[in-house]
Amino acid sequence: MTKADLVEEVVRVSSVSKKHAEIIVNTVFSSIIEALQQDDKIELRGFGSFRVRRRRSRQGRNPKTGDRVEVPEKRIPYFKPGKELKDLINGLSERIAGTVSGEAVPAPDSGEGPGEGSSES
């Protein structure tokens, strides 16, 4: 999916014009980028979180010449998917695998695993 596809999806599910949808999508991305530049963490419940990780400086090698090169410290954006996103992505394959092995696998939206959270006594 591209940025243009996201704009089209906003237009499709809302009553805003394409121009306004583009502004909305660009504003969301700009806000995420600005927060990461300031070392803030972005947490989108049910989706995941964005944060900045630091890579230490290290000695590298130029693959062409074999010479040693100092690689400076870097800040790298990192995305960690949330549990709900992982469950939605893997839900179908887990249910199929559970059916094949004979185990009961709960639906992704139930929030309960086998033997957990039963209110019946």
N, C-alpha and C. Protein backbone atom coordinates (compact mmCIF):
# COMPACT_ATOMS: atom_id res chain seq x y z
N MET A 1 0.84 -1.17 0.00
CA MET A 1 0.00 0.00 0.00
C MET A 1 0.89 1.23 0.00
N THR A 2 0.55 2.19 -0.81
CA THR A 2 1.32 3.42 -0.91
C THR A 2 0.61 4.56 -0.18
N LYS A 3 1.28 5.68 -0.08
CA LYS A 3 0.68 6.86 0.53
C LYS A 3 -0.57 7.28 -0.24
N ALA A 4 -0.50 7.21 -1.58
CA ALA A 4 -1.65 7.55 -2.40
C ALA A 4 -2.82 6.60 -2.13
N ASP A 5 -2.53 5.33 -1.89
CA ASP A 5 -3.58 4.37 -1.54
C ASP A 5 -4.23 4.73 -0.20
N LEU A 6 -3.42 5.18 0.75
CA LEU A 6 -3.97 5.61 2.04
C LEU A 6 -4.89 6.81 1.87
N VAL A 7 -4.47 7.76 1.04
CA VAL A 7 -5.30 8.94 0.77
C VAL A 7 -6.63 8.50 0.17
N GLU A 8 -6.58 7.59 -0.80
CA GLU A 8 -7.81 7.09 -1.43
C GLU A 8 -8.71 6.38 -0.42
N GLU A 9 -8.12 5.66 0.52
CA GLU A 9 -8.91 4.97 1.55
C GLU A 9 -9.59 5.97 2.48
N VAL A 10 -8.89 7.05 2.84
CA VAL A 10 -9.50 8.10 3.67
C VAL A 10 -10.68 8.73 2.93
N VAL A 11 -10.51 8.99 1.64
CA VAL A 11 -11.59 9.56 0.83
C VAL A 11 -12.78 8.61 0.80
N ARG A 12 -12.48 7.31 0.63
CA ARG A 12 -13.54 6.31 0.50
C ARG A 12 -14.38 6.16 1.78
N VAL A 13 -13.74 6.20 2.95
CA VAL A 13 -14.47 5.95 4.19
C VAL A 13 -14.97 7.22 4.88
N SER A 14 -14.63 8.38 4.35
CA SER A 14 -15.08 9.62 4.97
C SER A 14 -15.70 10.53 3.91
N SER A 15 -16.19 11.64 4.37
CA SER A 15 -16.84 12.57 3.44
C SER A 15 -15.93 13.76 3.12
N VAL A 16 -14.62 13.55 3.18
CA VAL A 16 -13.70 14.66 2.88
C VAL A 16 -13.21 14.56 1.44
N SER A 17 -12.76 15.67 0.93
CA SER A 17 -12.24 15.70 -0.44
C SER A 17 -10.86 15.04 -0.49
N LYS A 18 -10.42 14.76 -1.68
CA LYS A 18 -9.10 14.15 -1.86
C LYS A 18 -8.01 15.07 -1.33
N LYS A 19 -8.15 16.36 -1.56
CA LYS A 19 -7.17 17.34 -1.09
C LYS A 19 -7.08 17.33 0.44
N HIS A 20 -8.24 17.31 1.11
CA HIS A 20 -8.25 17.27 2.58
C HIS A 20 -7.70 15.94 3.10
N ALA A 21 -8.03 14.85 2.42
CA ALA A 21 -7.51 13.54 2.83
C ALA A 21 -6.00 13.51 2.73
N GLU A 22 -5.46 14.12 1.68
CA GLU A 22 -4.01 14.18 1.52
C GLU A 22 -3.37 14.99 2.64
N ILE A 23 -4.00 16.08 3.03
CA ILE A 23 -3.50 16.90 4.14
C ILE A 23 -3.52 16.09 5.44
N ILE A 24 -4.58 15.33 5.66
CA ILE A 24 -4.70 14.50 6.87
C ILE A 24 -3.58 13.47 6.92
N VAL A 25 -3.39 12.73 5.84
CA VAL A 25 -2.36 11.69 5.81
C VAL A 25 -0.97 12.31 5.99
N ASN A 26 -0.69 13.41 5.31
CA ASN A 26 0.61 14.08 5.44
C ASN A 26 0.83 14.59 6.85
N THR A 27 -0.23 15.09 7.48
CA THR A 27 -0.11 15.59 8.86
C THR A 27 0.21 14.46 9.83
N VAL A 28 -0.42 13.32 9.65
CA VAL A 28 -0.13 12.17 10.53
C VAL A 28 1.33 11.76 10.39
N PHE A 29 1.80 11.62 9.14
CA PHE A 29 3.19 11.23 8.94
C PHE A 29 4.16 12.27 9.46
N SER A 30 3.88 13.54 9.23
CA SER A 30 4.74 14.62 9.73
C SER A 30 4.81 14.62 11.25
N SER A 31 3.69 14.37 11.88
CA SER A 31 3.64 14.33 13.35
C SER A 31 4.49 13.18 13.89
N ILE A 32 4.41 12.04 13.24
CA ILE A 32 5.22 10.90 13.67
C ILE A 32 6.70 11.21 13.50
N ILE A 33 7.07 11.78 12.37
CA ILE A 33 8.47 12.11 12.10
C ILE A 33 8.99 13.13 13.11
N GLU A 34 8.22 14.17 13.37
CA GLU A 34 8.65 15.20 14.33
C GLU A 34 8.83 14.62 15.72
N ALA A 35 7.92 13.76 16.14
CA ALA A 35 8.03 13.15 17.46
C ALA A 35 9.29 12.28 17.55
N LEU A 36 9.58 11.51 16.50
CA LEU A 36 10.77 10.67 16.51
C LEU A 36 12.04 11.51 16.50
N GLN A 37 12.03 12.65 15.79
CA GLN A 37 13.19 13.53 15.78
C GLN A 37 13.49 14.07 17.18
N GLN A 38 12.44 14.20 18.00
CA GLN A 38 12.60 14.72 19.37
C GLN A 38 12.75 13.58 20.38
N ASP A 39 12.99 12.36 19.89
CA ASP A 39 13.16 11.16 20.73
C ASP A 39 11.90 10.82 21.53
N ASP A 40 10.73 11.26 21.07
CA ASP A 40 9.48 10.87 21.70
C ASP A 40 9.07 9.50 21.18
N LYS A 41 8.26 8.83 21.96
CA LYS A 41 7.72 7.52 21.57
C LYS A 41 6.28 7.73 21.11
N ILE A 42 5.89 7.11 20.02
CA ILE A 42 4.52 7.18 19.53
C ILE A 42 3.88 5.83 19.78
N GLU A 43 2.77 5.84 20.49
CA GLU A 43 2.08 4.59 20.82
C GLU A 43 0.66 4.66 20.27
N LEU A 44 0.36 3.78 19.34
CA LEU A 44 -0.98 3.70 18.75
C LEU A 44 -1.60 2.40 19.23
N ARG A 45 -2.47 2.50 20.22
CA ARG A 45 -3.07 1.32 20.84
C ARG A 45 -3.74 0.43 19.80
N GLY A 46 -3.48 -0.85 19.88
CA GLY A 46 -4.05 -1.80 18.95
C GLY A 46 -3.26 -1.92 17.66
N PHE A 47 -2.31 -1.02 17.43
CA PHE A 47 -1.52 -1.05 16.20
C PHE A 47 -0.05 -1.33 16.51
N GLY A 48 0.57 -0.45 17.31
CA GLY A 48 1.97 -0.64 17.66
C GLY A 48 2.59 0.65 18.12
N SER A 49 3.91 0.63 18.28
CA SER A 49 4.60 1.82 18.74
C SER A 49 5.85 2.07 17.90
N PHE A 50 6.14 3.35 17.75
CA PHE A 50 7.34 3.80 17.05
C PHE A 50 8.26 4.40 18.09
N ARG A 51 9.55 4.15 17.94
CA ARG A 51 10.54 4.78 18.81
C ARG A 51 11.87 4.84 18.08
N VAL A 52 12.82 5.52 18.68
CA VAL A 52 14.14 5.65 18.08
C VAL A 52 15.10 4.79 18.88
N ARG A 53 15.87 4.00 18.19
CA ARG A 53 16.93 3.22 18.82
C ARG A 53 18.27 3.80 18.37
N ARG A 54 19.25 3.67 19.24
CA ARG A 54 20.58 4.17 18.92
C ARG A 54 21.49 2.99 18.60
N ARG A 55 22.25 3.14 17.53
CA ARG A 55 23.29 2.16 17.20
C ARG A 55 24.63 2.78 17.57
N ARG A 56 25.42 2.04 18.30
CA ARG A 56 26.73 2.53 18.71
C ARG A 56 27.66 2.66 17.51
N SER A 57 28.66 3.52 17.66
CA SER A 57 29.68 3.61 16.61
C SER A 57 30.48 2.31 16.62
N ARG A 58 31.03 1.98 15.45
CA ARG A 58 31.76 0.72 15.34
C ARG A 58 32.78 0.82 14.22
N GLN A 59 33.65 -0.17 14.17
CA GLN A 59 34.63 -0.28 13.09
C GLN A 59 34.00 -1.13 11.98
N GLY A 60 33.97 -0.59 10.78
CA GLY A 60 33.48 -1.34 9.64
C GLY A 60 34.60 -1.51 8.63
N ARG A 61 34.28 -2.17 7.53
CA ARG A 61 35.26 -2.37 6.47
C ARG A 61 34.66 -1.94 5.14
N ASN A 62 35.46 -1.27 4.34
CA ASN A 62 35.06 -0.94 2.98
C ASN A 62 35.11 -2.25 2.19
N PRO A 63 33.98 -2.72 1.66
CA PRO A 63 33.98 -4.01 0.99
C PRO A 63 34.84 -4.04 -0.28
N LYS A 64 35.05 -2.89 -0.88
CA LYS A 64 35.82 -2.82 -2.12
C LYS A 64 37.33 -2.91 -1.85
N THR A 65 37.79 -2.15 -0.83
CA THR A 65 39.23 -2.07 -0.58
C THR A 65 39.66 -2.87 0.65
N GLY A 66 38.73 -3.19 1.54
CA GLY A 66 39.07 -3.90 2.76
C GLY A 66 39.59 -2.99 3.86
N ASP A 67 39.69 -1.68 3.58
CA ASP A 67 40.18 -0.72 4.58
C ASP A 67 39.17 -0.60 5.72
N ARG A 68 39.70 -0.35 6.92
CA ARG A 68 38.84 -0.12 8.08
C ARG A 68 38.23 1.27 7.99
N VAL A 69 36.96 1.35 8.38
CA VAL A 69 36.23 2.62 8.33
C VAL A 69 35.49 2.78 9.65
N GLU A 70 35.53 3.98 10.19
CA GLU A 70 34.77 4.28 11.41
C GLU A 70 33.33 4.57 11.02
N VAL A 71 32.40 3.76 11.53
CA VAL A 71 30.97 3.98 11.28
C VAL A 71 30.42 4.74 12.49
N PRO A 72 29.90 5.94 12.29
CA PRO A 72 29.45 6.75 13.44
C PRO A 72 28.16 6.20 14.07
N GLU A 73 27.89 6.69 15.28
CA GLU A 73 26.64 6.36 15.96
C GLU A 73 25.47 6.82 15.12
N LYS A 74 24.38 6.04 15.13
CA LYS A 74 23.19 6.40 14.36
C LYS A 74 21.94 6.25 15.22
N ARG A 75 20.93 7.01 14.86
CA ARG A 75 19.60 6.87 15.44
C ARG A 75 18.73 6.23 14.37
N ILE A 76 18.08 5.13 14.73
CA ILE A 76 17.31 4.34 13.78
C ILE A 76 15.85 4.29 14.23
N PRO A 77 14.89 4.62 13.34
CA PRO A 77 13.49 4.46 13.72
C PRO A 77 13.15 2.97 13.81
N TYR A 78 12.34 2.63 14.80
CA TYR A 78 11.99 1.24 15.06
C TYR A 78 10.49 1.15 15.30
N PHE A 79 9.85 0.15 14.71
CA PHE A 79 8.42 -0.09 14.92
C PHE A 79 8.24 -1.43 15.60
N LYS A 80 7.45 -1.43 16.66
CA LYS A 80 7.13 -2.66 17.36
C LYS A 80 5.62 -2.86 17.24
N PRO A 81 5.18 -3.91 16.56
CA PRO A 81 3.74 -4.13 16.40
C PRO A 81 3.09 -4.47 17.73
N GLY A 82 1.84 -4.04 17.89
CA GLY A 82 1.08 -4.34 19.08
C GLY A 82 0.51 -5.75 19.03
N LYS A 83 0.08 -6.24 20.19
CA LYS A 83 -0.44 -7.60 20.28
C LYS A 83 -1.65 -7.80 19.37
N GLU A 84 -2.57 -6.83 19.34
CA GLU A 84 -3.77 -6.97 18.52
C GLU A 84 -3.42 -7.07 17.03
N LEU A 85 -2.45 -6.26 16.59
CA LEU A 85 -2.02 -6.31 15.19
C LEU A 85 -1.42 -7.68 14.87
N LYS A 86 -0.56 -8.18 15.76
CA LYS A 86 0.03 -9.50 15.54
C LYS A 86 -1.04 -10.58 15.51
N ASP A 87 -2.01 -10.48 16.40
CA ASP A 87 -3.08 -11.47 16.44
C ASP A 87 -3.92 -11.42 15.16
N LEU A 88 -4.23 -10.22 14.68
CA LEU A 88 -5.01 -10.10 13.45
C LEU A 88 -4.27 -10.66 12.25
N ILE A 89 -2.97 -10.40 12.19
CA ILE A 89 -2.17 -10.90 11.07
C ILE A 89 -2.02 -12.41 11.13
N ASN A 90 -1.80 -12.94 12.32
CA ASN A 90 -1.54 -14.36 12.48
C ASN A 90 -2.77 -15.18 12.84
N GLY A 91 -3.90 -14.52 13.08
CA GLY A 91 -5.09 -15.21 13.57
C GLY A 91 -5.55 -16.34 12.69
N LEU A 92 -5.66 -16.12 11.39
CA LEU A 92 -6.15 -17.14 10.49
C LEU A 92 -5.22 -18.34 10.46
N SER A 93 -3.92 -18.13 10.35
CA SER A 93 -2.99 -19.24 10.27
C SER A 93 -2.95 -20.01 11.59
N GLU A 94 -3.10 -19.31 12.74
CA GLU A 94 -3.11 -20.01 14.03
C GLU A 94 -4.34 -20.88 14.15
N ARG A 95 -5.50 -20.37 13.69
CA ARG A 95 -6.72 -21.18 13.77
C ARG A 95 -6.62 -22.41 12.89
N ILE A 96 -6.03 -22.26 11.71
CA ILE A 96 -5.85 -23.40 10.82
C ILE A 96 -4.90 -24.41 11.45
N ALA A 97 -3.77 -23.93 12.01
CA ALA A 97 -2.81 -24.82 12.64
C ALA A 97 -3.42 -25.52 13.84
N GLY A 98 -4.23 -24.78 14.63
CA GLY A 98 -4.88 -25.38 15.79
C GLY A 98 -5.89 -26.44 15.39
N THR A 99 -6.60 -26.22 14.29
CA THR A 99 -7.58 -27.18 13.81
C THR A 99 -6.88 -28.45 13.34
N VAL A 100 -5.76 -28.28 12.65
CA VAL A 100 -5.02 -29.43 12.13
C VAL A 100 -4.46 -30.26 13.27
N SER A 101 -3.94 -29.60 14.32
CA SER A 101 -3.33 -30.34 15.42
C SER A 101 -4.36 -30.83 16.43
N GLY A 102 -5.62 -30.41 16.29
CA GLY A 102 -6.68 -30.85 17.20
C GLY A 102 -6.83 -29.99 18.44
N GLU A 103 -6.04 -28.93 18.57
CA GLU A 103 -6.14 -28.04 19.72
C GLU A 103 -7.21 -26.99 19.46
N ALA A 104 -7.86 -26.54 20.52
CA ALA A 104 -8.81 -25.44 20.40
C ALA A 104 -8.04 -24.14 20.48
N VAL A 105 -8.13 -23.32 19.44
CA VAL A 105 -7.45 -22.03 19.41
C VAL A 105 -8.50 -20.94 19.44
N PRO A 106 -8.43 -20.00 20.44
CA PRO A 106 -9.44 -18.96 20.53
C PRO A 106 -9.35 -17.98 19.37
N ALA A 107 -10.45 -17.33 19.09
CA ALA A 107 -10.47 -16.28 18.07
C ALA A 107 -9.60 -15.13 18.54
N PRO A 108 -8.96 -14.40 17.62
CA PRO A 108 -8.04 -13.33 18.01
C PRO A 108 -8.67 -12.24 18.85
N ASP A 109 -9.96 -11.97 18.70
CA ASP A 109 -10.58 -10.88 19.45
C ASP A 109 -11.10 -11.29 20.82
N SER A 110 -10.98 -12.58 21.19
CA SER A 110 -11.52 -13.02 22.48
C SER A 110 -10.64 -12.59 23.64
N GLY A 111 -9.32 -12.44 23.42
CA GLY A 111 -8.42 -12.00 24.48
C GLY A 111 -8.11 -13.10 25.48
N GLU A 112 -8.62 -14.29 25.28
CA GLU A 112 -8.39 -15.37 26.22
C GLU A 112 -7.66 -16.50 25.52
N GLY A 113 -6.67 -17.02 26.22
CA GLY A 113 -5.99 -18.19 25.73
C GLY A 113 -6.58 -19.41 26.40
N PRO A 114 -6.12 -20.61 26.06
CA PRO A 114 -6.62 -21.81 26.71
C PRO A 114 -6.38 -21.75 28.21
N GLY A 115 -7.44 -21.92 29.00
CA GLY A 115 -7.33 -21.95 30.45
C GLY A 115 -7.17 -20.60 31.10
N GLU A 116 -7.37 -19.52 30.38
CA GLU A 116 -7.21 -18.19 30.96
C GLU A 116 -8.56 -17.48 31.08
N GLY A 117 -8.69 -16.68 32.10
CA GLY A 117 -9.76 -15.74 32.22
C GLY A 117 -11.17 -16.30 32.26
N SER A 118 -11.35 -17.54 32.59
CA SER A 118 -12.69 -18.11 32.64
C SER A 118 -13.37 -17.62 33.90
N SER A 119 -14.58 -17.06 33.74
CA SER A 119 -15.31 -16.55 34.89
C SER A 119 -16.22 -17.62 35.48
N GLU A 120 -16.33 -18.76 34.82
CA GLU A 120 -17.18 -19.82 35.32
C GLU A 120 -16.40 -20.64 36.33
N SER A 121 -17.08 -21.04 37.45
CA SER A 121 -16.40 -21.83 38.49
C SER A 121 -17.03 -23.18 38.63
